[in-house]
Amino acid sequence: MAFVKYQKEKNKKGISAKTIGINRKGRFAFYKPVVEKYLQDSSYVELFFDPDAKKVGILPVQEPSVDAFKIQGKTTKMIVAKKFLNRFQIPVEDKRYDFEYEDGMLIVQL
C-alpha cells in the first residue's frame, strides 16, 4: 500500500500568500509569503482607493515618492497608513483580507 500524506484542513496564520492584515490603526501587514511573491524588489508602496467598489489598491514601487509609504519591519513587513484610512473614511475590521493581483497591484476588497 502507498503512503498518503496527512494534510491539515486549515493553514496556519501567515501561511497564505493571498492575505494582507489591516487594522483600524492603519497598519497594513504583509506576511512572508506575500513579501516573497509580490514585494521582493520593493521598498515602498503607494495606496489607492476605489470608493464605488470599496477596494484598496496597493502598488509596490522601488523608489520613494511624496505619496509612497516605506515598508518597515524585520519579520512581518508593514506600513502604517492611518491618514489614508481617515482621508477616505475607510472602515476596516482588524482582520486579514484576501486580495487579488492585477497589473502589478494588490487589490483588497473591503
PDB file of N, CA and C in Angstrom:
ATOM      1  N   MET A   1       0.841  -1.173   0.000  1.00  0.00           N
ATOM      2  CA  MET A   1       0.000   0.000   0.000  1.00  0.00           C
ATOM      3  C   MET A   1       0.892   1.244   0.000  1.00  0.00           C
ATOM      4  N   ALA A   2       0.503   2.266  -0.752  1.00  0.00           N
ATOM      5  CA  ALA A   2       1.269   3.503  -0.852  1.00  0.00           C
ATOM      6  C   ALA A   2       0.937   4.443   0.307  1.00  0.00           C
ATOM      7  N   PHE A   3       1.900   5.286   0.675  1.00  0.00           N
ATOM      8  CA  PHE A   3       1.686   6.266   1.727  1.00  0.00           C
ATOM      9  C   PHE A   3       0.782   7.377   1.237  1.00  0.00           C
ATOM     10  N   VAL A   4      -0.060   7.884   2.117  1.00  0.00           N
ATOM     11  CA  VAL A   4      -0.910   9.037   1.828  1.00  0.00           C
ATOM     12  C   VAL A   4      -0.537  10.110   2.842  1.00  0.00           C
ATOM     13  N   LYS A   5      -0.171  11.265   2.346  1.00  0.00           N
ATOM     14  CA  LYS A   5       0.263  12.358   3.217  1.00  0.00           C
ATOM     15  C   LYS A   5      -0.930  12.983   3.932  1.00  0.00           C
ATOM     16  N   TYR A   6      -0.764  13.236   5.232  1.00  0.00           N
ATOM     17  CA  TYR A   6      -1.767  13.953   6.010  1.00  0.00           C
ATOM     18  C   TYR A   6      -1.642  15.433   5.683  1.00  0.00           C
ATOM     19  N   GLN A   7      -2.784  16.064   5.393  1.00  0.00           N
ATOM     20  CA  GLN A   7      -2.792  17.499   5.136  1.00  0.00           C
ATOM     21  C   GLN A   7      -3.751  18.163   6.107  1.00  0.00           C
ATOM     22  N   LYS A   8      -3.284  19.236   6.735  1.00  0.00           N
ATOM     23  CA  LYS A   8      -4.123  19.961   7.678  1.00  0.00           C
ATOM     24  C   LYS A   8      -5.271  20.624   6.933  1.00  0.00           C
ATOM     25  N   GLU A   9      -6.400  20.765   7.612  1.00  0.00           N
ATOM     26  CA  GLU A   9      -7.563  21.364   6.984  1.00  0.00           C
ATOM     27  C   GLU A   9      -7.453  22.872   6.902  1.00  0.00           C
ATOM     28  N   LYS A  10      -6.821  23.496   7.880  1.00  0.00           N
ATOM     29  CA  LYS A  10      -6.669  24.949   7.893  1.00  0.00           C
ATOM     30  C   LYS A  10      -5.194  25.290   7.857  1.00  0.00           C
ATOM     31  N   ASN A  11      -4.857  26.320   7.091  1.00  0.00           N
ATOM     32  CA  ASN A  11      -3.480  26.797   7.077  1.00  0.00           C
ATOM     33  C   ASN A  11      -3.209  27.586   8.352  1.00  0.00           C
ATOM     34  N   LYS A  12      -1.964  27.583   8.782  1.00  0.00           N
ATOM     35  CA  LYS A  12      -1.571  28.419   9.903  1.00  0.00           C
ATOM     36  C   LYS A  12      -1.684  29.872   9.483  1.00  0.00           C
ATOM     37  N   LYS A  13      -1.826  30.740  10.468  1.00  0.00           N
ATOM     38  CA  LYS A  13      -1.852  32.170  10.160  1.00  0.00           C
ATOM     39  C   LYS A  13      -0.529  32.543   9.505  1.00  0.00           C
ATOM     40  N   GLY A  14      -0.595  33.393   8.502  1.00  0.00           N
ATOM     41  CA  GLY A  14       0.603  33.849   7.825  1.00  0.00           C
ATOM     42  C   GLY A  14       1.075  32.926   6.718  1.00  0.00           C
ATOM     43  N   ILE A  15       0.490  31.753   6.591  1.00  0.00           N
ATOM     44  CA  ILE A  15       0.914  30.806   5.570  1.00  0.00           C
ATOM     45  C   ILE A  15       0.418  31.227   4.188  1.00  0.00           C
ATOM     46  N   SER A  16      -0.780  31.769   4.126  1.00  0.00           N
ATOM     47  CA  SER A  16      -1.392  32.102   2.847  1.00  0.00           C
ATOM     48  C   SER A  16      -0.683  33.254   2.158  1.00  0.00           C
ATOM     49  N   ALA A  17      -0.464  33.095   0.871  1.00  0.00           N
ATOM     50  CA  ALA A  17       0.129  34.159   0.069  1.00  0.00           C
ATOM     51  C   ALA A  17      -0.959  35.079  -0.467  1.00  0.00           C
ATOM     52  N   LYS A  18      -2.193  34.896  -0.012  1.00  0.00           N
ATOM     53  CA  LYS A  18      -3.295  35.689  -0.541  1.00  0.00           C
ATOM     54  C   LYS A  18      -4.010  36.508   0.532  1.00  0.00           C
ATOM     55  N   THR A  19      -3.353  36.832   1.654  1.00  0.00           N
ATOM     56  CA  THR A  19      -3.973  37.677   2.667  1.00  0.00           C
ATOM     57  C   THR A  19      -3.033  38.793   3.103  1.00  0.00           C
ATOM     58  N   ILE A  20      -3.656  39.923   3.439  1.00  0.00           N
ATOM     59  CA  ILE A  20      -2.953  41.080   3.986  1.00  0.00           C
ATOM     60  C   ILE A  20      -3.722  41.492   5.233  1.00  0.00           C
ATOM     61  N   GLY A  21      -3.024  41.691   6.330  1.00  0.00           N
ATOM     62  CA  GLY A  21      -3.674  42.134   7.558  1.00  0.00           C
ATOM     63  C   GLY A  21      -3.826  43.638   7.553  1.00  0.00           C
ATOM     64  N   ILE A  22      -5.015  44.110   7.903  1.00  0.00           N
ATOM     65  CA  ILE A  22      -5.264  45.544   8.023  1.00  0.00           C
ATOM     66  C   ILE A  22      -6.006  45.753   9.336  1.00  0.00           C
ATOM     67  N   ASN A  23      -5.574  46.777  10.104  1.00  0.00           N
ATOM     68  CA  ASN A  23      -6.308  47.069  11.333  1.00  0.00           C
ATOM     69  C   ASN A  23      -6.749  48.528  11.358  1.00  0.00           C
ATOM     70  N   ARG A  24      -7.556  48.860  12.359  1.00  0.00           N
ATOM     71  CA  ARG A  24      -8.152  50.200  12.454  1.00  0.00           C
ATOM     72  C   ARG A  24      -7.117  51.294  12.678  1.00  0.00           C
ATOM     73  N   LYS A  25      -5.965  50.931  13.178  1.00  0.00           N
ATOM     74  CA  LYS A  25      -4.909  51.916  13.425  1.00  0.00           C
ATOM     75  C   LYS A  25      -4.116  52.230  12.163  1.00  0.00           C
ATOM     76  N   GLY A  26      -4.484  51.597  11.057  1.00  0.00           N
ATOM     77  CA  GLY A  26      -3.835  51.882   9.787  1.00  0.00           C
ATOM     78  C   GLY A  26      -2.641  51.001   9.485  1.00  0.00           C
ATOM     79  N   ARG A  27      -2.468  49.937  10.224  1.00  0.00           N
ATOM     80  CA  ARG A  27      -1.336  49.029   9.986  1.00  0.00           C
ATOM     81  C   ARG A  27      -1.716  48.016   8.913  1.00  0.00           C
ATOM     82  N   PHE A  28      -0.961  48.011   7.838  1.00  0.00           N
ATOM     83  CA  PHE A  28      -1.106  47.036   6.756  1.00  0.00           C
ATOM     84  C   PHE A  28       0.044  46.047   6.930  1.00  0.00           C
ATOM     85  N   ALA A  29      -0.262  44.792   7.234  1.00  0.00           N
ATOM     86  CA  ALA A  29       0.765  43.775   7.476  1.00  0.00           C
ATOM     87  C   ALA A  29       0.885  42.863   6.267  1.00  0.00           C
ATOM     88  N   PHE A  30       2.116  42.747   5.764  1.00  0.00           N
ATOM     89  CA  PHE A  30       2.405  41.884   4.628  1.00  0.00           C
ATOM     90  C   PHE A  30       3.202  40.694   5.161  1.00  0.00           C
ATOM     91  N   TYR A  31       2.600  39.531   5.133  1.00  0.00           N
ATOM     92  CA  TYR A  31       3.232  38.336   5.681  1.00  0.00           C
ATOM     93  C   TYR A  31       4.251  37.764   4.702  1.00  0.00           C
ATOM     94  N   LYS A  32       5.127  36.926   5.203  1.00  0.00           N
ATOM     95  CA  LYS A  32       6.266  36.410   4.441  1.00  0.00           C
ATOM     96  C   LYS A  32       5.916  35.897   3.041  1.00  0.00           C
ATOM     97  N   PRO A  33       4.869  35.072   2.871  1.00  0.00           N
ATOM     98  CA  PRO A  33       4.561  34.612   1.505  1.00  0.00           C
ATOM     99  C   PRO A  33       4.194  35.751   0.552  1.00  0.00           C
ATOM    100  N   VAL A  34       3.523  36.784   1.072  1.00  0.00           N
ATOM    101  CA  VAL A  34       3.156  37.935   0.245  1.00  0.00           C
ATOM    102  C   VAL A  34       4.410  38.715  -0.142  1.00  0.00           C
ATOM    103  N   VAL A  35       5.286  38.918   0.829  1.00  0.00           N
ATOM    104  CA  VAL A  35       6.530  39.646   0.567  1.00  0.00           C
ATOM    105  C   VAL A  35       7.365  38.907  -0.473  1.00  0.00           C
ATOM    106  N   GLU A  36       7.526  37.593  -0.291  1.00  0.00           N
ATOM    107  CA  GLU A  36       8.356  36.807  -1.202  1.00  0.00           C
ATOM    108  C   GLU A  36       7.799  36.792  -2.627  1.00  0.00           C
ATOM    109  N   LYS A  37       6.487  36.797  -2.757  1.00  0.00           N
ATOM    110  CA  LYS A  37       5.888  36.688  -4.075  1.00  0.00           C
ATOM    111  C   LYS A  37       5.649  38.032  -4.767  1.00  0.00           C
ATOM    112  N   TYR A  38       5.279  39.063  -3.998  1.00  0.00           N
ATOM    113  CA  TYR A  38       4.844  40.313  -4.620  1.00  0.00           C
ATOM    114  C   TYR A  38       5.677  41.545  -4.270  1.00  0.00           C
ATOM    115  N   LEU A  39       6.374  41.544  -3.140  1.00  0.00           N
ATOM    116  CA  LEU A  39       7.073  42.749  -2.682  1.00  0.00           C
ATOM    117  C   LEU A  39       8.587  42.582  -2.605  1.00  0.00           C
ATOM    118  N   GLN A  40       9.106  41.521  -3.150  1.00  0.00           N
ATOM    119  CA  GLN A  40      10.526  41.170  -3.047  1.00  0.00           C
ATOM    120  C   GLN A  40      11.449  42.327  -3.429  1.00  0.00           C
ATOM    121  N   ASP A  41      11.150  42.997  -4.531  1.00  0.00           N
ATOM    122  CA  ASP A  41      12.042  44.033  -5.044  1.00  0.00           C
ATOM    123  C   ASP A  41      11.596  45.445  -4.688  1.00  0.00           C
ATOM    124  N   SER A  42      10.634  45.581  -3.801  1.00  0.00           N
ATOM    125  CA  SER A  42      10.073  46.896  -3.489  1.00  0.00           C
ATOM    126  C   SER A  42      10.335  47.285  -2.046  1.00  0.00           C
ATOM    127  N   SER A  43      10.648  48.564  -1.852  1.00  0.00           N
ATOM    128  CA  SER A  43      10.849  49.091  -0.505  1.00  0.00           C
ATOM    129  C   SER A  43       9.729  50.034  -0.103  1.00  0.00           C
ATOM    130  N   TYR A  44       8.852  50.347  -1.062  1.00  0.00           N
ATOM    131  CA  TYR A  44       7.773  51.297  -0.823  1.00  0.00           C
ATOM    132  C   TYR A  44       6.491  50.799  -1.488  1.00  0.00           C
ATOM    133  N   VAL A  45       5.359  51.329  -1.030  1.00  0.00           N
ATOM    134  CA  VAL A  45       4.083  51.098  -1.700  1.00  0.00           C
ATOM    135  C   VAL A  45       3.332  52.423  -1.798  1.00  0.00           C
ATOM    136  N   GLU A  46       2.511  52.537  -2.816  1.00  0.00           N
ATOM    137  CA  GLU A  46       1.588  53.652  -2.950  1.00  0.00           C
ATOM    138  C   GLU A  46       0.185  53.079  -2.801  1.00  0.00           C
ATOM    139  N   LEU A  47      -0.701  53.839  -2.155  1.00  0.00           N
ATOM    140  CA  LEU A  47      -2.053  53.362  -1.868  1.00  0.00           C
ATOM    141  C   LEU A  47      -3.091  54.097  -2.705  1.00  0.00           C
ATOM    142  N   PHE A  48      -4.121  53.358  -3.102  1.00  0.00           N
ATOM    143  CA  PHE A  48      -5.219  53.888  -3.908  1.00  0.00           C
ATOM    144  C   PHE A  48      -6.527  53.390  -3.301  1.00  0.00           C
ATOM    145  N   PHE A  49      -7.609  54.132  -3.552  1.00  0.00           N
ATOM    146  CA  PHE A  49      -8.918  53.706  -3.048  1.00  0.00           C
ATOM    147  C   PHE A  49      -9.976  53.915  -4.116  1.00  0.00           C
ATOM    148  N   ASP A  50     -10.819  52.903  -4.321  1.00  0.00           N
ATOM    149  CA  ASP A  50     -11.965  52.987  -5.218  1.00  0.00           C
ATOM    150  C   ASP A  50     -13.212  53.030  -4.334  1.00  0.00           C
ATOM    151  N   PRO A  51     -13.793  54.230  -4.127  1.00  0.00           N
ATOM    152  CA  PRO A  51     -14.928  54.341  -3.206  1.00  0.00           C
ATOM    153  C   PRO A  51     -16.188  53.635  -3.694  1.00  0.00           C
ATOM    154  N   ASP A  52     -16.373  53.518  -5.002  1.00  0.00           N
ATOM    155  CA  ASP A  52     -17.565  52.851  -5.530  1.00  0.00           C
ATOM    156  C   ASP A  52     -17.512  51.346  -5.304  1.00  0.00           C
ATOM    157  N   ALA A  53     -16.366  50.740  -5.588  1.00  0.00           N
ATOM    158  CA  ALA A  53     -16.217  49.287  -5.449  1.00  0.00           C
ATOM    159  C   ALA A  53     -15.716  48.879  -4.062  1.00  0.00           C
ATOM    160  N   LYS A  54     -15.368  49.861  -3.219  1.00  0.00           N
ATOM    161  CA  LYS A  54     -14.830  49.594  -1.878  1.00  0.00           C
ATOM    162  C   LYS A  54     -13.590  48.703  -1.951  1.00  0.00           C
ATOM    163  N   LYS A  55     -12.628  49.150  -2.769  1.00  0.00           N
ATOM    164  CA  LYS A  55     -11.383  48.407  -2.931  1.00  0.00           C
ATOM    165  C   LYS A  55     -10.193  49.301  -2.615  1.00  0.00           C
ATOM    166  N   VAL A  56      -9.180  48.701  -2.012  1.00  0.00           N
ATOM    167  CA  VAL A  56      -7.913  49.379  -1.759  1.00  0.00           C
ATOM    168  C   VAL A  56      -6.885  48.788  -2.703  1.00  0.00           C
ATOM    169  N   GLY A  57      -6.145  49.645  -3.389  1.00  0.00           N
ATOM    170  CA  GLY A  57      -5.068  49.214  -4.267  1.00  0.00           C
ATOM    171  C   GLY A  57      -3.727  49.495  -3.614  1.00  0.00           C
ATOM    172  N   ILE A  58      -2.848  48.516  -3.631  1.00  0.00           N
ATOM    173  CA  ILE A  58      -1.509  48.648  -3.061  1.00  0.00           C
ATOM    174  C   ILE A  58      -0.513  48.403  -4.184  1.00  0.00           C
ATOM    175  N   LEU A  59       0.175  49.458  -4.596  1.00  0.00           N
ATOM    176  CA  LEU A  59       1.119  49.370  -5.703  1.00  0.00           C
ATOM    177  C   LEU A  59       2.547  49.361  -5.182  1.00  0.00           C
ATOM    178  N   PRO A  60       3.265  48.240  -5.307  1.00  0.00           N
ATOM    179  CA  PRO A  60       4.668  48.197  -4.888  1.00  0.00           C
ATOM    180  C   PRO A  60       5.534  49.060  -5.822  1.00  0.00           C
ATOM    181  N   VAL A  61       6.398  49.874  -5.241  1.00  0.00           N
ATOM    182  CA  VAL A  61       7.321  50.704  -6.017  1.00  0.00           C
ATOM    183  C   VAL A  61       8.718  50.588  -5.419  1.00  0.00           C
ATOM    184  N   GLN A  62       9.712  50.790  -6.267  1.00  0.00           N
ATOM    185  CA  GLN A  62      11.093  50.647  -5.812  1.00  0.00           C
ATOM    186  C   GLN A  62      11.673  51.956  -5.285  1.00  0.00           C
ATOM    187  N   GLU A  63      11.208  53.062  -5.817  1.00  0.00           N
ATOM    188  CA  GLU A  63      11.767  54.360  -5.458  1.00  0.00           C
ATOM    189  C   GLU A  63      10.807  55.140  -4.562  1.00  0.00           C
ATOM    190  N   PRO A  64      11.330  55.915  -3.628  1.00  0.00           N
ATOM    191  CA  PRO A  64      10.453  56.733  -2.788  1.00  0.00           C
ATOM    192  C   PRO A  64       9.824  57.862  -3.591  1.00  0.00           C
ATOM    193  N   SER A  65       8.631  58.257  -3.202  1.00  0.00           N
ATOM    194  CA  SER A  65       7.970  59.418  -3.789  1.00  0.00           C
ATOM    195  C   SER A  65       7.244  60.147  -2.669  1.00  0.00           C
ATOM    196  N   VAL A  66       6.687  61.282  -2.970  1.00  0.00           N
ATOM    197  CA  VAL A  66       5.975  62.063  -1.968  1.00  0.00           C
ATOM    198  C   VAL A  66       4.818  61.267  -1.375  1.00  0.00           C
ATOM    199  N   ASP A  67       4.168  60.443  -2.189  1.00  0.00           N
ATOM    200  CA  ASP A  67       2.981  59.709  -1.759  1.00  0.00           C
ATOM    201  C   ASP A  67       3.260  58.270  -1.317  1.00  0.00           C
ATOM    202  N   ALA A  68       4.498  57.834  -1.342  1.00  0.00           N
ATOM    203  CA  ALA A  68       4.828  56.441  -1.021  1.00  0.00           C
ATOM    204  C   ALA A  68       4.991  56.224   0.480  1.00  0.00           C
ATOM    205  N   PHE A  69       4.658  55.007   0.909  1.00  0.00           N
ATOM    206  CA  PHE A  69       4.855  54.580   2.290  1.00  0.00           C
ATOM    207  C   PHE A  69       6.016  53.597   2.308  1.00  0.00           C
ATOM    208  N   LYS A  70       6.979  53.812   3.223  1.00  0.00           N
ATOM    209  CA  LYS A  70       8.124  52.907   3.333  1.00  0.00           C
ATOM    210  C   LYS A  70       7.696  51.616   4.024  1.00  0.00           C
ATOM    211  N   ILE A  71       8.098  50.492   3.454  1.00  0.00           N
ATOM    212  CA  ILE A  71       7.824  49.194   4.048  1.00  0.00           C
ATOM    213  C   ILE A  71       8.819  48.984   5.187  1.00  0.00           C
ATOM    214  N   GLN A  72       8.289  48.682   6.374  1.00  0.00           N
ATOM    215  CA  GLN A  72       9.102  48.537   7.581  1.00  0.00           C
ATOM    216  C   GLN A  72       8.986  47.122   8.129  1.00  0.00           C
ATOM    217  N   GLY A  73       9.820  46.807   9.089  1.00  0.00           N
ATOM    218  CA  GLY A  73       9.714  45.543   9.801  1.00  0.00           C
ATOM    219  C   GLY A  73      10.752  44.528   9.400  1.00  0.00           C
ATOM    220  N   LYS A  74      11.047  43.623  10.342  1.00  0.00           N
ATOM    221  CA  LYS A  74      12.046  42.590  10.080  1.00  0.00           C
ATOM    222  C   LYS A  74      11.396  41.283   9.646  1.00  0.00           C
ATOM    223  N   THR A  75      10.450  40.788  10.416  1.00  0.00           N
ATOM    224  CA  THR A  75       9.819  39.518  10.055  1.00  0.00           C
ATOM    225  C   THR A  75       8.551  39.761   9.251  1.00  0.00           C
ATOM    226  N   THR A  76       7.563  40.394   9.872  1.00  0.00           N
ATOM    227  CA  THR A  76       6.364  40.782   9.132  1.00  0.00           C
ATOM    228  C   THR A  76       6.593  42.187   8.606  1.00  0.00           C
ATOM    229  N   LYS A  77       6.546  42.358   7.308  1.00  0.00           N
ATOM    230  CA  LYS A  77       6.711  43.677   6.716  1.00  0.00           C
ATOM    231  C   LYS A  77       5.393  44.426   6.844  1.00  0.00           C
ATOM    232  N   MET A  78       5.460  45.758   7.026  1.00  0.00           N
ATOM    233  CA  MET A  78       4.237  46.519   7.205  1.00  0.00           C
ATOM    234  C   MET A  78       4.432  47.977   6.838  1.00  0.00           C
ATOM    235  N   ILE A  79       3.290  48.649   6.694  1.00  0.00           N
ATOM    236  CA  ILE A  79       3.270  50.103   6.598  1.00  0.00           C
ATOM    237  C   ILE A  79       2.217  50.583   7.583  1.00  0.00           C
ATOM    238  N   VAL A  80       2.317  51.836   7.995  1.00  0.00           N
ATOM    239  CA  VAL A  80       1.293  52.442   8.834  1.00  0.00           C
ATOM    240  C   VAL A  80       0.699  53.588   8.031  1.00  0.00           C
ATOM    241  N   ALA A  81      -0.605  53.490   7.742  1.00  0.00           N
ATOM    242  CA  ALA A  81      -1.260  54.456   6.861  1.00  0.00           C
ATOM    243  C   ALA A  81      -2.609  54.897   7.429  1.00  0.00           C
ATOM    244  N   LYS A  82      -2.607  55.318   8.680  1.00  0.00           N
ATOM    245  CA  LYS A  82      -3.840  55.770   9.335  1.00  0.00           C
ATOM    246  C   LYS A  82      -4.441  56.969   8.600  1.00  0.00           C
ATOM    247  N   LYS A  83      -3.595  57.871   8.124  1.00  0.00           N
ATOM    248  CA  LYS A  83      -4.096  59.059   7.409  1.00  0.00           C
ATOM    249  C   LYS A  83      -4.810  58.675   6.119  1.00  0.00           C
ATOM    250  N   PHE A  84      -4.344  57.618   5.466  1.00  0.00           N
ATOM    251  CA  PHE A  84      -5.006  57.117   4.258  1.00  0.00           C
ATOM    252  C   PHE A  84      -6.426  56.655   4.595  1.00  0.00           C
ATOM    253  N   LEU A  85      -6.564  55.851   5.648  1.00  0.00           N
ATOM    254  CA  LEU A  85      -7.888  55.367   6.054  1.00  0.00           C
ATOM    255  C   LEU A  85      -8.799  56.530   6.456  1.00  0.00           C
ATOM    256  N   ASN A  86      -8.241  57.495   7.182  1.00  0.00           N
ATOM    257  CA  ASN A  86      -9.035  58.650   7.609  1.00  0.00           C
ATOM    258  C   ASN A  86      -9.462  59.536   6.445  1.00  0.00           C
ATOM    259  N   ARG A  87      -8.548  59.775   5.539  1.00  0.00           N
ATOM    260  CA  ARG A  87      -8.829  60.666   4.399  1.00  0.00           C
ATOM    261  C   ARG A  87     -10.021  60.182   3.590  1.00  0.00           C
ATOM    262  N   PHE A  88     -10.086  58.884   3.339  1.00  0.00           N
ATOM    263  CA  PHE A  88     -11.169  58.317   2.542  1.00  0.00           C
ATOM    264  C   PHE A  88     -12.280  57.707   3.406  1.00  0.00           C
ATOM    265  N   GLN A  89     -12.162  57.869   4.731  1.00  0.00           N
ATOM    266  CA  GLN A  89     -13.144  57.325   5.681  1.00  0.00           C
ATOM    267  C   GLN A  89     -13.422  55.844   5.392  1.00  0.00           C
ATOM    268  N   ILE A  90     -12.341  55.094   5.345  1.00  0.00           N
ATOM    269  CA  ILE A  90     -12.420  53.662   5.029  1.00  0.00           C
ATOM    270  C   ILE A  90     -12.623  52.871   6.318  1.00  0.00           C
ATOM    271  N   PRO A  91     -13.772  52.206   6.436  1.00  0.00           N
ATOM    272  CA  PRO A  91     -13.988  51.384   7.626  1.00  0.00           C
ATOM    273  C   PRO A  91     -13.347  50.003   7.432  1.00  0.00           C
ATOM    274  N   VAL A  92     -12.466  49.639   8.327  1.00  0.00           N
ATOM    275  CA  VAL A  92     -11.852  48.315   8.251  1.00  0.00           C
ATOM    276  C   VAL A  92     -12.041  47.600   9.581  1.00  0.00           C
ATOM    277  N   GLU A  93     -12.024  46.293   9.516  1.00  0.00           N
ATOM    278  CA  GLU A  93     -12.038  45.472  10.708  1.00  0.00           C
ATOM    279  C   GLU A  93     -10.613  44.996  10.940  1.00  0.00           C
ATOM    280  N   ASP A  94     -10.293  44.660  12.173  1.00  0.00           N
ATOM    281  CA  ASP A  94      -8.967  44.124  12.475  1.00  0.00           C
ATOM    282  C   ASP A  94      -8.937  42.668  12.025  1.00  0.00           C
ATOM    283  N   LYS A  95      -8.552  42.444  10.771  1.00  0.00           N
ATOM    284  CA  LYS A  95      -8.534  41.077  10.255  1.00  0.00           C
ATOM    285  C   LYS A  95      -7.631  40.978   9.032  1.00  0.00           C
ATOM    286  N   ARG A  96      -7.533  39.772   8.525  1.00  0.00           N
ATOM    287  CA  ARG A  96      -6.775  39.515   7.295  1.00  0.00           C
ATOM    288  C   ARG A  96      -7.742  39.561   6.122  1.00  0.00           C
ATOM    289  N   TYR A  97      -7.360  40.276   5.105  1.00  0.00           N
ATOM    290  CA  TYR A  97      -8.195  40.419   3.921  1.00  0.00           C
ATOM    291  C   TYR A  97      -7.574  39.656   2.755  1.00  0.00           C
ATOM    292  N   ASP A  98      -8.421  38.999   1.985  1.00  0.00           N
ATOM    293  CA  ASP A  98      -7.973  38.367   0.747  1.00  0.00           C
ATOM    294  C   ASP A  98      -7.718  39.466  -0.271  1.00  0.00           C
ATOM    295  N   PHE A  99      -6.838  39.195  -1.216  1.00  0.00           N
ATOM    296  CA  PHE A  99      -6.577  40.175  -2.272  1.00  0.00           C
ATOM    297  C   PHE A  99      -6.377  39.474  -3.600  1.00  0.00           C
ATOM    298  N   GLU A 100      -6.473  40.267  -4.649  1.00  0.00           N
ATOM    299  CA  GLU A 100      -6.174  39.805  -6.000  1.00  0.00           C
ATOM    300  C   GLU A 100      -4.965  40.576  -6.494  1.00  0.00           C
ATOM    301  N   TYR A 101      -4.291  40.027  -7.470  1.00  0.00           N
ATOM    302  CA  TYR A 101      -3.123  40.684  -8.054  1.00  0.00           C
ATOM    303  C   TYR A 101      -3.428  40.992  -9.515  1.00  0.00           C
ATOM    304  N   GLU A 102      -3.506  42.296  -9.852  1.00  0.00           N
ATOM    305  CA  GLU A 102      -3.809  42.713 -11.212  1.00  0.00           C
ATOM    306  C   GLU A 102      -2.895  43.845 -11.619  1.00  0.00           C
ATOM    307  N   ASP A 103      -2.260  43.705 -12.765  1.00  0.00           N
ATOM    308  CA  ASP A 103      -1.407  44.746 -13.344  1.00  0.00           C
ATOM    309  C   ASP A 103      -0.398  45.307 -12.351  1.00  0.00           C
ATOM    310  N   GLY A 104       0.208  44.428 -11.566  1.00  0.00           N
ATOM    311  CA  GLY A 104       1.251  44.864 -10.631  1.00  0.00           C
ATOM    312  C   GLY A 104       0.726  45.434  -9.333  1.00  0.00           C
ATOM    313  N   MET A 105      -0.597  45.409  -9.128  1.00  0.00           N
ATOM    314  CA  MET A 105      -1.194  45.992  -7.930  1.00  0.00           C
ATOM    315  C   MET A 105      -1.925  44.915  -7.116  1.00  0.00           C
ATOM    316  N   LEU A 106      -1.756  44.981  -5.813  1.00  0.00           N
ATOM    317  CA  LEU A 106      -2.505  44.117  -4.898  1.00  0.00           C
ATOM    318  C   LEU A 106      -3.824  44.825  -4.608  1.00  0.00           C
ATOM    319  N   ILE A 107      -4.948  44.160  -4.869  1.00  0.00           N
ATOM    320  CA  ILE A 107      -6.260  44.782  -4.726  1.00  0.00           C
ATOM    321  C   ILE A 107      -7.044  44.068  -3.634  1.00  0.00           C
ATOM    322  N   VAL A 108      -7.379  44.821  -2.586  1.00  0.00           N
ATOM    323  CA  VAL A 108      -8.093  44.295  -1.434  1.00  0.00           C
ATOM    324  C   VAL A 108      -9.548  44.721  -1.513  1.00  0.00           C
ATOM    325  N   GLN A 109     -10.435  43.743  -1.508  1.00  0.00           N
ATOM    326  CA  GLN A 109     -11.881  44.023  -1.472  1.00  0.00           C
ATOM    327  C   GLN A 109     -12.286  44.133  -0.010  1.00  0.00           C
ATOM    328  N   LEU A 110     -12.796  45.301   0.376  1.00  0.00           N
ATOM    329  CA  LEU A 110     -13.208  45.503   1.785  1.00  0.00           C
ATOM    330  C   LEU A 110     -14.601  44.976   2.024  1.00  0.00           C
TER     331      LEU A 110
END
